[in-house]
Amino acid sequence: MTQQTDASPGRFAGLLRRAWDGLLAYALKFGVVGLVGLVIDVALFNALRLGAFGADGWAQSAIGAKTISTSVAIVCNWIGNRYWTFRKHRRRNYLGEFAEYVVVSLGGMAISLLCLWISHHVLGFTSLLADNLASNVIGLALGTVFRFLLYRYWVFGHHRADGLSNTARVEEAQRTLFEQPGTDATPRRGTRPGSGETPQTGVGRNQGG
């Protein structure tokens, strides 16, 4: 009973450490990067909707403003996630990484746009507040979960062949496989270091005597 009681805190701490290293640390950094992207997205969205960059155009419409603001935020978020959140797993082929990142981000943007479209055109909530709630609260929450899971386990997954972490593991495995086996530094009983003599056994000493 004592051993189980003593082991439980250590086991729990180990589970927490694995959860932190495997998911929670990434989620925290991803949240910070996403918060910066959200500020860019929301600020640009509202500026476009209010006609700061021209009135009576597609960019001022609800769908146009959201498409532009989210596209700008995608690029900013990719830079933050590549060089901070998932920097240990970033890919050597950054163009391929960015292409996949954009695909996932577009999926998240589609979720946000769908929420905005339903709210604005189906339910008839056309005010600026309703647009923000639909796209930047409901759509953001659903899109964030979608993006994080695919970034973590696909775009920056440990299994990607051109990922830095996977490349490092492969190189380490190759060094371990092809390196020469080391010699035992501790001399065996009955031998002198560097003499090249084989150890003498009791049988050998008794032979002939």
N, C-alpha and C. Protein backbone atom coordinates (compact mmCIF):
# COMPACT_ATOMS: atom_id res chain seq x y z
N MET A 1 0.83 -1.20 0.00
CA MET A 1 0.00 0.00 0.00
C MET A 1 0.86 1.25 0.00
N THR A 2 1.96 1.20 0.76
CA THR A 2 2.84 2.37 0.82
C THR A 2 3.49 2.65 -0.51
N GLN A 3 3.89 1.58 -1.21
CA GLN A 3 4.53 1.76 -2.51
C GLN A 3 3.56 2.36 -3.52
N GLN A 4 2.28 1.92 -3.50
CA GLN A 4 1.30 2.47 -4.41
C GLN A 4 1.02 3.94 -4.11
N THR A 5 0.97 4.28 -2.80
CA THR A 5 0.74 5.67 -2.42
C THR A 5 1.90 6.55 -2.86
N ASP A 6 3.14 6.05 -2.68
CA ASP A 6 4.32 6.83 -3.08
C ASP A 6 4.41 6.97 -4.59
N ALA A 7 3.95 5.94 -5.33
CA ALA A 7 4.11 5.96 -6.77
C ALA A 7 3.06 6.83 -7.45
N SER A 8 1.90 6.99 -6.79
CA SER A 8 0.80 7.73 -7.43
C SER A 8 1.17 9.16 -7.76
N PRO A 9 1.77 9.95 -6.84
CA PRO A 9 2.15 11.32 -7.21
C PRO A 9 3.14 11.38 -8.34
N GLY A 10 4.10 10.44 -8.35
CA GLY A 10 5.07 10.42 -9.43
C GLY A 10 4.45 10.06 -10.76
N ARG A 11 3.50 9.12 -10.74
CA ARG A 11 2.81 8.73 -11.97
C ARG A 11 1.96 9.90 -12.48
N PHE A 12 1.30 10.59 -11.54
CA PHE A 12 0.46 11.72 -11.93
C PHE A 12 1.33 12.84 -12.51
N ALA A 13 2.49 13.08 -11.88
CA ALA A 13 3.40 14.11 -12.39
C ALA A 13 3.93 13.74 -13.77
N GLY A 14 4.17 12.45 -13.98
CA GLY A 14 4.62 12.00 -15.30
C GLY A 14 3.57 12.21 -16.36
N LEU A 15 2.31 11.93 -16.01
CA LEU A 15 1.22 12.15 -16.95
C LEU A 15 1.08 13.62 -17.28
N LEU A 16 1.21 14.47 -16.26
CA LEU A 16 1.13 15.91 -16.51
C LEU A 16 2.26 16.38 -17.41
N ARG A 17 3.46 15.84 -17.17
CA ARG A 17 4.61 16.24 -17.99
C ARG A 17 4.41 15.83 -19.43
N ARG A 18 3.91 14.61 -19.66
CA ARG A 18 3.68 14.15 -21.03
C ARG A 18 2.58 14.97 -21.70
N ALA A 19 1.54 15.30 -20.92
CA ALA A 19 0.46 16.13 -21.47
C ALA A 19 0.97 17.51 -21.83
N TRP A 20 1.83 18.07 -20.97
CA TRP A 20 2.38 19.40 -21.23
C TRP A 20 3.27 19.39 -22.47
N ASP A 21 4.19 18.42 -22.52
CA ASP A 21 5.12 18.35 -23.65
C ASP A 21 4.41 17.99 -24.94
N GLY A 22 3.39 17.16 -24.85
CA GLY A 22 2.75 16.68 -26.07
C GLY A 22 1.64 17.55 -26.61
N LEU A 23 0.99 18.33 -25.73
CA LEU A 23 -0.18 19.07 -26.21
C LEU A 23 -0.33 20.45 -25.58
N LEU A 24 -0.26 20.52 -24.26
CA LEU A 24 -0.61 21.76 -23.57
C LEU A 24 0.33 22.92 -23.90
N ALA A 25 1.63 22.64 -23.98
CA ALA A 25 2.58 23.71 -24.30
C ALA A 25 2.32 24.25 -25.70
N TYR A 26 2.03 23.36 -26.63
CA TYR A 26 1.70 23.79 -27.99
C TYR A 26 0.41 24.60 -27.99
N ALA A 27 -0.58 24.14 -27.22
CA ALA A 27 -1.86 24.84 -27.19
C ALA A 27 -1.71 26.24 -26.62
N LEU A 28 -0.86 26.40 -25.59
CA LEU A 28 -0.65 27.71 -24.99
C LEU A 28 0.00 28.66 -25.99
N LYS A 29 1.07 28.21 -26.64
CA LYS A 29 1.74 29.06 -27.62
C LYS A 29 0.83 29.34 -28.81
N PHE A 30 0.11 28.32 -29.23
CA PHE A 30 -0.83 28.50 -30.33
C PHE A 30 -1.89 29.54 -29.98
N GLY A 31 -2.32 29.54 -28.70
CA GLY A 31 -3.29 30.51 -28.27
C GLY A 31 -2.76 31.93 -28.31
N VAL A 32 -1.48 32.10 -27.93
CA VAL A 32 -0.88 33.43 -27.95
C VAL A 32 -0.77 33.93 -29.39
N VAL A 33 -0.27 33.07 -30.27
CA VAL A 33 -0.17 33.45 -31.68
C VAL A 33 -1.55 33.73 -32.26
N GLY A 34 -2.51 32.89 -31.90
CA GLY A 34 -3.86 33.10 -32.38
C GLY A 34 -4.48 34.39 -31.88
N LEU A 35 -4.11 34.79 -30.65
CA LEU A 35 -4.63 36.04 -30.10
C LEU A 35 -4.11 37.23 -30.90
N VAL A 36 -2.84 37.19 -31.24
CA VAL A 36 -2.27 38.26 -32.07
C VAL A 36 -2.97 38.29 -33.43
N GLY A 37 -3.15 37.09 -34.01
CA GLY A 37 -3.85 37.02 -35.29
C GLY A 37 -5.29 37.50 -35.19
N LEU A 38 -5.92 37.22 -34.04
CA LEU A 38 -7.30 37.67 -33.84
C LEU A 38 -7.39 39.19 -33.83
N VAL A 39 -6.43 39.82 -33.15
CA VAL A 39 -6.42 41.28 -33.11
C VAL A 39 -6.29 41.85 -34.52
N ILE A 40 -5.39 41.26 -35.30
CA ILE A 40 -5.21 41.70 -36.69
C ILE A 40 -6.49 41.46 -37.49
N ASP A 41 -7.07 40.29 -37.31
CA ASP A 41 -8.28 39.91 -38.06
C ASP A 41 -9.44 40.84 -37.73
N VAL A 42 -9.72 41.00 -36.44
CA VAL A 42 -10.88 41.80 -36.03
C VAL A 42 -10.70 43.26 -36.40
N ALA A 43 -9.49 43.79 -36.15
CA ALA A 43 -9.24 45.20 -36.45
C ALA A 43 -9.39 45.48 -37.94
N LEU A 44 -8.82 44.60 -38.77
CA LEU A 44 -8.90 44.81 -40.21
C LEU A 44 -10.32 44.59 -40.71
N PHE A 45 -11.02 43.59 -40.16
CA PHE A 45 -12.39 43.32 -40.55
C PHE A 45 -13.29 44.53 -40.31
N ASN A 46 -13.20 45.10 -39.11
CA ASN A 46 -14.05 46.24 -38.78
C ASN A 46 -13.64 47.49 -39.56
N ALA A 47 -12.35 47.65 -39.81
CA ALA A 47 -11.90 48.79 -40.61
C ALA A 47 -12.46 48.70 -42.03
N LEU A 48 -12.45 47.51 -42.59
CA LEU A 48 -12.99 47.33 -43.93
C LEU A 48 -14.51 47.52 -43.94
N ARG A 49 -15.19 46.99 -42.94
CA ARG A 49 -16.64 47.12 -42.89
C ARG A 49 -17.08 48.58 -42.74
N LEU A 50 -16.24 49.39 -42.05
CA LEU A 50 -16.56 50.80 -41.84
C LEU A 50 -16.10 51.68 -43.00
N GLY A 51 -15.50 51.05 -44.03
CA GLY A 51 -15.11 51.80 -45.22
C GLY A 51 -13.81 52.54 -45.11
N ALA A 52 -12.92 52.09 -44.21
CA ALA A 52 -11.64 52.78 -44.04
C ALA A 52 -10.76 52.68 -45.28
N PHE A 53 -10.94 51.64 -46.07
CA PHE A 53 -10.13 51.45 -47.28
C PHE A 53 -10.97 51.57 -48.55
N GLY A 54 -12.06 52.31 -48.45
CA GLY A 54 -12.92 52.50 -49.60
C GLY A 54 -14.32 52.00 -49.32
N ALA A 55 -15.31 52.75 -49.79
CA ALA A 55 -16.70 52.40 -49.54
C ALA A 55 -17.36 51.84 -50.80
N ASP A 56 -18.48 51.17 -50.56
CA ASP A 56 -19.31 50.65 -51.65
C ASP A 56 -18.56 49.67 -52.56
N GLY A 57 -17.68 48.90 -51.98
CA GLY A 57 -16.96 47.89 -52.75
C GLY A 57 -17.07 46.53 -52.10
N TRP A 58 -16.54 45.52 -52.78
CA TRP A 58 -16.60 44.15 -52.25
C TRP A 58 -15.87 44.04 -50.92
N ALA A 59 -14.78 44.82 -50.77
CA ALA A 59 -14.00 44.76 -49.53
C ALA A 59 -14.79 45.24 -48.33
N GLN A 60 -15.82 46.05 -48.55
CA GLN A 60 -16.61 46.55 -47.42
C GLN A 60 -17.74 45.60 -47.06
N SER A 61 -18.07 44.68 -47.93
CA SER A 61 -19.14 43.74 -47.63
C SER A 61 -18.71 42.80 -46.51
N ALA A 62 -19.68 42.16 -45.87
CA ALA A 62 -19.38 41.27 -44.75
C ALA A 62 -18.46 40.13 -45.17
N ILE A 63 -18.78 39.48 -46.29
CA ILE A 63 -17.98 38.35 -46.76
C ILE A 63 -16.62 38.83 -47.26
N GLY A 64 -16.60 39.92 -48.02
CA GLY A 64 -15.32 40.43 -48.53
C GLY A 64 -14.39 40.87 -47.44
N ALA A 65 -14.91 41.62 -46.46
CA ALA A 65 -14.07 42.09 -45.36
C ALA A 65 -13.50 40.93 -44.55
N LYS A 66 -14.33 39.92 -44.32
CA LYS A 66 -13.86 38.77 -43.54
C LYS A 66 -12.84 37.96 -44.32
N THR A 67 -13.02 37.83 -45.61
CA THR A 67 -12.06 37.09 -46.43
C THR A 67 -10.69 37.77 -46.41
N ILE A 68 -10.66 39.07 -46.56
CA ILE A 68 -9.40 39.81 -46.58
C ILE A 68 -8.73 39.78 -45.22
N SER A 69 -9.48 40.07 -44.18
CA SER A 69 -8.88 40.15 -42.84
C SER A 69 -8.34 38.79 -42.40
N THR A 70 -9.08 37.73 -42.71
CA THR A 70 -8.62 36.40 -42.32
C THR A 70 -7.40 35.98 -43.12
N SER A 71 -7.33 36.35 -44.39
CA SER A 71 -6.17 36.01 -45.22
C SER A 71 -4.90 36.66 -44.68
N VAL A 72 -5.00 37.92 -44.28
CA VAL A 72 -3.84 38.60 -43.70
C VAL A 72 -3.44 37.94 -42.39
N ALA A 73 -4.41 37.59 -41.57
CA ALA A 73 -4.12 36.94 -40.30
C ALA A 73 -3.49 35.57 -40.49
N ILE A 74 -3.86 34.86 -41.55
CA ILE A 74 -3.29 33.54 -41.82
C ILE A 74 -1.77 33.64 -42.01
N VAL A 75 -1.32 34.60 -42.79
CA VAL A 75 0.11 34.75 -43.04
C VAL A 75 0.84 35.09 -41.74
N CYS A 76 0.28 36.01 -40.95
CA CYS A 76 0.90 36.38 -39.68
C CYS A 76 0.95 35.19 -38.73
N ASN A 77 -0.11 34.42 -38.68
CA ASN A 77 -0.14 33.25 -37.79
C ASN A 77 0.84 32.17 -38.24
N TRP A 78 1.00 31.99 -39.54
CA TRP A 78 1.96 30.99 -40.02
C TRP A 78 3.37 31.34 -39.56
N ILE A 79 3.74 32.59 -39.68
CA ILE A 79 5.08 33.00 -39.24
C ILE A 79 5.25 32.74 -37.75
N GLY A 80 4.25 33.10 -36.94
CA GLY A 80 4.35 32.89 -35.50
C GLY A 80 4.39 31.42 -35.13
N ASN A 81 3.58 30.60 -35.77
CA ASN A 81 3.55 29.18 -35.45
C ASN A 81 4.79 28.45 -35.97
N ARG A 82 5.28 28.84 -37.12
CA ARG A 82 6.47 28.18 -37.67
C ARG A 82 7.70 28.45 -36.83
N TYR A 83 7.88 29.67 -36.40
CA TYR A 83 9.12 30.05 -35.73
C TYR A 83 8.99 30.13 -34.22
N TRP A 84 7.82 29.79 -33.67
CA TRP A 84 7.69 29.77 -32.21
C TRP A 84 6.92 28.54 -31.73
N THR A 85 5.64 28.43 -32.06
CA THR A 85 4.83 27.34 -31.53
C THR A 85 5.39 25.97 -31.90
N PHE A 86 5.61 25.76 -33.20
CA PHE A 86 6.06 24.45 -33.69
C PHE A 86 7.47 24.54 -34.27
N ARG A 87 8.31 25.38 -33.72
CA ARG A 87 9.63 25.61 -34.32
C ARG A 87 10.49 24.34 -34.34
N LYS A 88 10.31 23.45 -33.35
CA LYS A 88 11.09 22.22 -33.34
C LYS A 88 10.65 21.25 -34.42
N HIS A 89 9.46 21.44 -34.94
CA HIS A 89 8.91 20.53 -35.94
C HIS A 89 8.67 21.20 -37.27
N ARG A 90 9.20 22.41 -37.44
CA ARG A 90 8.99 23.08 -38.72
C ARG A 90 9.67 22.31 -39.83
N ARG A 91 9.21 22.51 -41.02
CA ARG A 91 9.62 21.68 -42.15
C ARG A 91 10.73 22.35 -42.94
N ARG A 92 11.61 21.54 -43.51
CA ARG A 92 12.65 22.07 -44.40
C ARG A 92 12.02 22.64 -45.67
N ASN A 93 11.01 21.98 -46.17
CA ASN A 93 10.29 22.46 -47.34
C ASN A 93 9.23 23.45 -46.86
N TYR A 94 9.64 24.70 -46.67
CA TYR A 94 8.73 25.68 -46.10
C TYR A 94 7.60 26.04 -47.06
N LEU A 95 7.83 25.89 -48.37
CA LEU A 95 6.76 26.17 -49.32
C LEU A 95 5.64 25.14 -49.21
N GLY A 96 6.03 23.87 -49.10
CA GLY A 96 5.03 22.82 -48.91
C GLY A 96 4.32 22.98 -47.58
N GLU A 97 5.09 23.34 -46.55
CA GLU A 97 4.50 23.57 -45.24
C GLU A 97 3.48 24.71 -45.30
N PHE A 98 3.85 25.79 -45.95
CA PHE A 98 2.95 26.94 -46.04
C PHE A 98 1.69 26.59 -46.84
N ALA A 99 1.87 25.79 -47.91
CA ALA A 99 0.72 25.40 -48.72
C ALA A 99 -0.27 24.59 -47.88
N GLU A 100 0.24 23.63 -47.10
CA GLU A 100 -0.64 22.85 -46.24
C GLU A 100 -1.24 23.70 -45.14
N TYR A 101 -0.44 24.63 -44.62
CA TYR A 101 -0.94 25.54 -43.60
C TYR A 101 -2.11 26.37 -44.13
N VAL A 102 -1.97 26.83 -45.37
CA VAL A 102 -3.03 27.63 -45.98
C VAL A 102 -4.29 26.78 -46.17
N VAL A 103 -4.11 25.53 -46.59
CA VAL A 103 -5.27 24.65 -46.78
C VAL A 103 -6.04 24.50 -45.47
N VAL A 104 -5.31 24.23 -44.38
CA VAL A 104 -5.98 24.09 -43.08
C VAL A 104 -6.61 25.42 -42.66
N SER A 105 -5.88 26.52 -42.87
CA SER A 105 -6.40 27.83 -42.49
C SER A 105 -7.65 28.18 -43.28
N LEU A 106 -7.66 27.82 -44.56
CA LEU A 106 -8.85 28.05 -45.37
C LEU A 106 -10.03 27.24 -44.86
N GLY A 107 -9.73 26.04 -44.38
CA GLY A 107 -10.79 25.24 -43.77
C GLY A 107 -11.36 25.94 -42.54
N GLY A 108 -10.46 26.49 -41.70
CA GLY A 108 -10.93 27.23 -40.54
C GLY A 108 -11.68 28.49 -40.94
N MET A 109 -11.19 29.16 -42.00
CA MET A 109 -11.88 30.35 -42.48
C MET A 109 -13.25 30.00 -43.04
N ALA A 110 -13.36 28.86 -43.71
CA ALA A 110 -14.64 28.43 -44.26
C ALA A 110 -15.65 28.20 -43.14
N ILE A 111 -15.18 27.66 -42.03
CA ILE A 111 -16.07 27.45 -40.88
C ILE A 111 -16.58 28.80 -40.37
N SER A 112 -15.66 29.78 -40.26
CA SER A 112 -16.04 31.11 -39.80
C SER A 112 -17.00 31.79 -40.77
N LEU A 113 -16.68 31.68 -42.08
CA LEU A 113 -17.55 32.29 -43.09
C LEU A 113 -18.92 31.64 -43.12
N LEU A 114 -18.96 30.33 -42.89
CA LEU A 114 -20.24 29.64 -42.86
C LEU A 114 -21.10 30.15 -41.72
N CYS A 115 -20.47 30.32 -40.55
CA CYS A 115 -21.22 30.87 -39.41
C CYS A 115 -21.72 32.28 -39.72
N LEU A 116 -20.85 33.10 -40.36
CA LEU A 116 -21.25 34.46 -40.71
C LEU A 116 -22.37 34.45 -41.75
N TRP A 117 -22.28 33.58 -42.73
CA TRP A 117 -23.29 33.52 -43.79
C TRP A 117 -24.65 33.11 -43.22
N ILE A 118 -24.64 32.11 -42.33
CA ILE A 118 -25.89 31.68 -41.73
C ILE A 118 -26.52 32.81 -40.91
N SER A 119 -25.67 33.49 -40.14
CA SER A 119 -26.18 34.57 -39.30
C SER A 119 -26.67 35.75 -40.14
N HIS A 120 -25.87 36.15 -41.14
CA HIS A 120 -26.15 37.38 -41.89
C HIS A 120 -27.25 37.17 -42.93
N HIS A 121 -27.19 36.07 -43.66
CA HIS A 121 -28.09 35.89 -44.80
C HIS A 121 -29.25 34.94 -44.55
N VAL A 122 -29.09 34.00 -43.63
CA VAL A 122 -30.17 33.05 -43.36
C VAL A 122 -31.03 33.53 -42.20
N LEU A 123 -30.36 33.90 -41.10
CA LEU A 123 -31.11 34.33 -39.92
C LEU A 123 -31.46 35.81 -39.96
N GLY A 124 -30.79 36.58 -40.83
CA GLY A 124 -31.13 37.98 -41.00
C GLY A 124 -30.56 38.92 -39.97
N PHE A 125 -29.51 38.49 -39.24
CA PHE A 125 -28.84 39.38 -38.28
C PHE A 125 -27.75 40.15 -39.02
N THR A 126 -28.06 41.37 -39.45
CA THR A 126 -27.17 42.11 -40.35
C THR A 126 -26.40 43.23 -39.66
N SER A 127 -26.54 43.39 -38.36
CA SER A 127 -25.82 44.46 -37.67
C SER A 127 -24.35 44.11 -37.54
N LEU A 128 -23.54 45.13 -37.27
CA LEU A 128 -22.11 44.92 -37.09
C LEU A 128 -21.83 44.02 -35.89
N LEU A 129 -22.61 44.17 -34.82
CA LEU A 129 -22.45 43.33 -33.64
C LEU A 129 -22.75 41.87 -33.97
N ALA A 130 -23.82 41.64 -34.71
CA ALA A 130 -24.17 40.27 -35.07
C ALA A 130 -23.11 39.64 -35.97
N ASP A 131 -22.55 40.43 -36.89
CA ASP A 131 -21.49 39.91 -37.76
C ASP A 131 -20.27 39.50 -36.94
N ASN A 132 -19.94 40.31 -35.93
CA ASN A 132 -18.78 40.00 -35.09
C ASN A 132 -19.02 38.77 -34.23
N LEU A 133 -20.22 38.65 -33.69
CA LEU A 133 -20.53 37.48 -32.87
C LEU A 133 -20.49 36.20 -33.70
N ALA A 134 -21.03 36.27 -34.89
CA ALA A 134 -21.08 35.08 -35.73
C ALA A 134 -19.70 34.66 -36.21
N SER A 135 -18.90 35.63 -36.65
CA SER A 135 -17.61 35.29 -37.24
C SER A 135 -16.48 35.24 -36.23
N ASN A 136 -16.48 36.15 -35.27
CA ASN A 136 -15.34 36.28 -34.37
C ASN A 136 -15.55 35.65 -33.00
N VAL A 137 -16.69 35.05 -32.76
CA VAL A 137 -16.92 34.32 -31.51
C VAL A 137 -17.23 32.85 -31.83
N ILE A 138 -18.38 32.62 -32.45
CA ILE A 138 -18.78 31.24 -32.75
C ILE A 138 -17.87 30.64 -33.82
N GLY A 139 -17.73 31.34 -34.93
CA GLY A 139 -16.88 30.83 -36.01
C GLY A 139 -15.44 30.69 -35.60
N LEU A 140 -14.96 31.64 -34.80
CA LEU A 140 -13.56 31.59 -34.34
C LEU A 140 -13.31 30.38 -33.46
N ALA A 141 -14.23 30.11 -32.53
CA ALA A 141 -14.05 28.98 -31.62
C ALA A 141 -14.00 27.65 -32.38
N LEU A 142 -14.93 27.46 -33.28
CA LEU A 142 -14.96 26.21 -34.05
C LEU A 142 -13.76 26.10 -34.98
N GLY A 143 -13.42 27.20 -35.63
CA GLY A 143 -12.28 27.18 -36.54
C GLY A 143 -10.96 26.98 -35.83
N THR A 144 -10.82 27.50 -34.61
CA THR A 144 -9.58 27.36 -33.85
C THR A 144 -9.32 25.91 -33.49
N VAL A 145 -10.34 25.22 -33.02
CA VAL A 145 -10.17 23.80 -32.69
C VAL A 145 -9.78 23.01 -33.93
N PHE A 146 -10.44 23.27 -35.03
CA PHE A 146 -10.13 22.59 -36.29
C PHE A 146 -8.69 22.83 -36.71
N ARG A 147 -8.25 24.09 -36.67
CA ARG A 147 -6.90 24.42 -37.12
C ARG A 147 -5.84 23.83 -36.21
N PHE A 148 -6.01 23.93 -34.91
CA PHE A 148 -4.99 23.45 -33.99
C PHE A 148 -4.73 21.96 -34.15
N LEU A 149 -5.79 21.19 -34.24
CA LEU A 149 -5.62 19.74 -34.36
C LEU A 149 -4.90 19.37 -35.65
N LEU A 150 -5.24 20.04 -36.75
CA LEU A 150 -4.58 19.69 -38.02
C LEU A 150 -3.17 20.26 -38.09
N TYR A 151 -2.90 21.41 -37.50
CA TYR A 151 -1.53 21.92 -37.44
C TYR A 151 -0.66 20.98 -36.62
N ARG A 152 -1.16 20.60 -35.46
CA ARG A 152 -0.36 19.80 -34.52
C ARG A 152 -0.07 18.41 -35.07
N TYR A 153 -1.07 17.80 -35.69
CA TYR A 153 -0.91 16.39 -36.05
C TYR A 153 -0.77 16.14 -37.55
N TRP A 154 -0.79 17.19 -38.36
CA TRP A 154 -0.58 17.01 -39.79
C TRP A 154 0.51 17.94 -40.32
N VAL A 155 0.26 19.24 -40.33
CA VAL A 155 1.22 20.17 -40.92
C VAL A 155 2.56 20.10 -40.19
N PHE A 156 2.54 20.13 -38.85
CA PHE A 156 3.77 20.09 -38.06
C PHE A 156 3.87 18.78 -37.29
N GLY A 157 3.33 17.72 -37.83
CA GLY A 157 3.35 16.44 -37.13
C GLY A 157 4.74 15.86 -37.01
N HIS A 158 4.96 15.07 -35.96
CA HIS A 158 6.26 14.44 -35.73
C HIS A 158 6.65 13.49 -36.86
N HIS A 159 5.64 12.98 -37.57
CA HIS A 159 5.91 11.96 -38.58
C HIS A 159 6.35 12.53 -39.92
N ARG A 160 6.26 13.86 -40.12
CA ARG A 160 6.58 14.42 -41.42
C ARG A 160 8.05 14.19 -41.76
N ALA A 161 8.31 13.64 -42.94
CA ALA A 161 9.66 13.24 -43.32
C ALA A 161 10.63 14.41 -43.35
N ASP A 162 10.16 15.59 -43.73
CA ASP A 162 11.05 16.74 -43.83
C ASP A 162 10.98 17.64 -42.61
N GLY A 163 10.34 17.16 -41.53
CA GLY A 163 10.31 17.94 -40.29
C GLY A 163 11.65 17.87 -39.58
N LEU A 164 12.02 18.96 -38.92
CA LEU A 164 13.33 19.00 -38.26
C LEU A 164 13.44 17.97 -37.16
N SER A 165 12.38 17.76 -36.39
CA SER A 165 12.45 16.79 -35.30
C SER A 165 12.58 15.37 -35.84
N ASN A 166 11.85 15.05 -36.90
CA ASN A 166 11.94 13.72 -37.48
C ASN A 166 13.29 13.50 -38.13
N THR A 167 13.82 14.52 -38.80
CA THR A 167 15.15 14.42 -39.40
C THR A 167 16.21 14.17 -38.35
N ALA A 168 16.10 14.86 -37.20
CA ALA A 168 17.06 14.67 -36.12
C ALA A 168 17.00 13.25 -35.57
N ARG A 169 15.79 12.70 -35.44
CA ARG A 169 15.66 11.33 -34.95
C ARG A 169 16.26 10.33 -35.93
N VAL A 170 16.06 10.55 -37.22
CA VAL A 170 16.62 9.66 -38.22
C VAL A 170 18.14 9.70 -38.19
N GLU A 171 18.71 10.89 -38.10
CA GLU A 171 20.16 11.03 -38.05
C GLU A 171 20.74 10.38 -36.81
N GLU A 172 20.06 10.52 -35.68
CA GLU A 172 20.53 9.88 -34.46
C GLU A 172 20.46 8.37 -34.57
N ALA A 173 19.40 7.86 -35.19
CA ALA A 173 19.28 6.41 -35.38
C ALA A 173 20.37 5.89 -36.29
N GLN A 174 20.71 6.66 -37.34
CA GLN A 174 21.77 6.24 -38.25
C GLN A 174 23.12 6.22 -37.56
N ARG A 175 23.38 7.23 -36.72
CA ARG A 175 24.65 7.24 -35.98
C ARG A 175 24.73 6.05 -35.05
N THR A 176 23.63 5.74 -34.38
CA THR A 176 23.61 4.61 -33.46
C THR A 176 23.80 3.29 -34.20
N LEU A 177 23.25 3.19 -35.41
CA LEU A 177 23.31 1.95 -36.18
C LEU A 177 24.70 1.68 -36.74
N PHE A 178 25.36 2.75 -37.22
CA PHE A 178 26.61 2.55 -37.94
C PHE A 178 27.86 2.85 -37.12
N GLU A 179 27.71 3.35 -35.91
CA GLU A 179 28.91 3.64 -35.13
C GLU A 179 29.54 2.34 -34.64
N GLN A 180 30.85 2.36 -34.46
CA GLN A 180 31.56 1.18 -33.99
C GLN A 180 31.25 0.93 -32.53
N PRO A 181 31.03 -0.32 -32.16
CA PRO A 181 30.77 -0.60 -30.75
C PRO A 181 31.98 -0.24 -29.90
N GLY A 182 31.78 0.41 -28.80
CA GLY A 182 32.87 0.83 -27.93
C GLY A 182 33.42 -0.32 -27.13
N THR A 183 34.64 -0.19 -26.69
CA THR A 183 35.28 -1.21 -25.86
C THR A 183 35.01 -0.91 -24.41
N ASP A 184 35.02 -1.95 -23.63
CA ASP A 184 34.76 -1.78 -22.21
C ASP A 184 35.96 -1.14 -21.55
N ALA A 185 35.74 -0.03 -20.89
CA ALA A 185 36.85 0.68 -20.27
C ALA A 185 37.35 -0.01 -19.03
N THR A 186 36.56 -0.88 -18.41
CA THR A 186 36.96 -1.57 -17.20
C THR A 186 37.65 -2.88 -17.55
N PRO A 187 38.92 -3.03 -17.21
CA PRO A 187 39.62 -4.28 -17.57
C PRO A 187 39.00 -5.47 -16.86
N ARG A 188 39.04 -6.58 -17.55
CA ARG A 188 38.51 -7.80 -16.95
C ARG A 188 39.45 -8.29 -15.86
N ARG A 189 38.89 -9.10 -15.00
CA ARG A 189 39.66 -9.66 -13.90
C ARG A 189 40.76 -10.56 -14.43
N GLY A 190 41.97 -10.32 -13.98
CA GLY A 190 43.09 -11.15 -14.38
C GLY A 190 43.83 -10.64 -15.58
N THR A 191 43.50 -9.43 -16.10
CA THR A 191 44.21 -8.86 -17.24
C THR A 191 44.74 -7.50 -16.87
N ARG A 192 45.78 -7.09 -17.60
CA ARG A 192 46.34 -5.76 -17.43
C ARG A 192 45.82 -4.88 -18.55
N PRO A 193 45.43 -3.64 -18.24
CA PRO A 193 44.92 -2.75 -19.29
C PRO A 193 45.92 -2.59 -20.41
N GLY A 194 45.47 -2.80 -21.65
CA GLY A 194 46.32 -2.62 -22.81
C GLY A 194 47.27 -3.75 -23.09
N SER A 195 47.22 -4.85 -22.29
CA SER A 195 48.16 -5.94 -22.51
C SER A 195 47.73 -6.87 -23.62
N GLY A 196 46.40 -6.87 -23.91
CA GLY A 196 45.91 -7.77 -24.94
C GLY A 196 45.83 -9.20 -24.51
N GLU A 197 46.14 -9.47 -23.21
CA GLU A 197 46.09 -10.83 -22.72
C GLU A 197 44.67 -11.22 -22.39
N THR A 198 44.40 -12.50 -22.54
CA THR A 198 43.08 -13.00 -22.16
C THR A 198 43.09 -13.28 -20.68
N PRO A 199 41.94 -13.13 -20.05
CA PRO A 199 41.88 -13.37 -18.61
C PRO A 199 42.17 -14.82 -18.29
N GLN A 200 42.93 -15.03 -17.22
CA GLN A 200 43.24 -16.37 -16.78
C GLN A 200 42.17 -16.87 -15.84
N THR A 201 41.83 -18.11 -16.02
CA THR A 201 40.80 -18.71 -15.16
C THR A 201 41.48 -19.65 -14.18
N GLY A 202 40.72 -20.05 -13.22
CA GLY A 202 41.26 -20.97 -12.21
C GLY A 202 41.66 -22.29 -12.82
N VAL A 203 40.94 -22.74 -13.85
CA VAL A 203 41.25 -23.99 -14.50
C VAL A 203 42.60 -23.93 -15.17
N GLY A 204 42.84 -22.81 -15.84
CA GLY A 204 44.09 -22.67 -16.56
C GLY A 204 45.28 -22.63 -15.61
N ARG A 205 45.13 -22.03 -14.43
CA ARG A 205 46.26 -21.96 -13.50
C ARG A 205 46.57 -23.32 -12.89
N ASN A 206 45.56 -24.15 -12.80
CA ASN A 206 45.80 -25.45 -12.18
C ASN A 206 46.33 -26.49 -13.17
N GLN A 207 46.19 -26.19 -14.51
CA GLN A 207 46.67 -27.19 -15.46
C GLN A 207 48.18 -27.32 -15.37
N GLY A 208 48.61 -28.54 -15.48
CA GLY A 208 50.04 -28.84 -15.44
C GLY A 208 50.60 -28.80 -14.05
N GLY A 209 49.85 -28.54 -13.10
CA GLY A 209 50.39 -28.53 -11.74
C GLY A 209 49.65 -29.49 -10.92
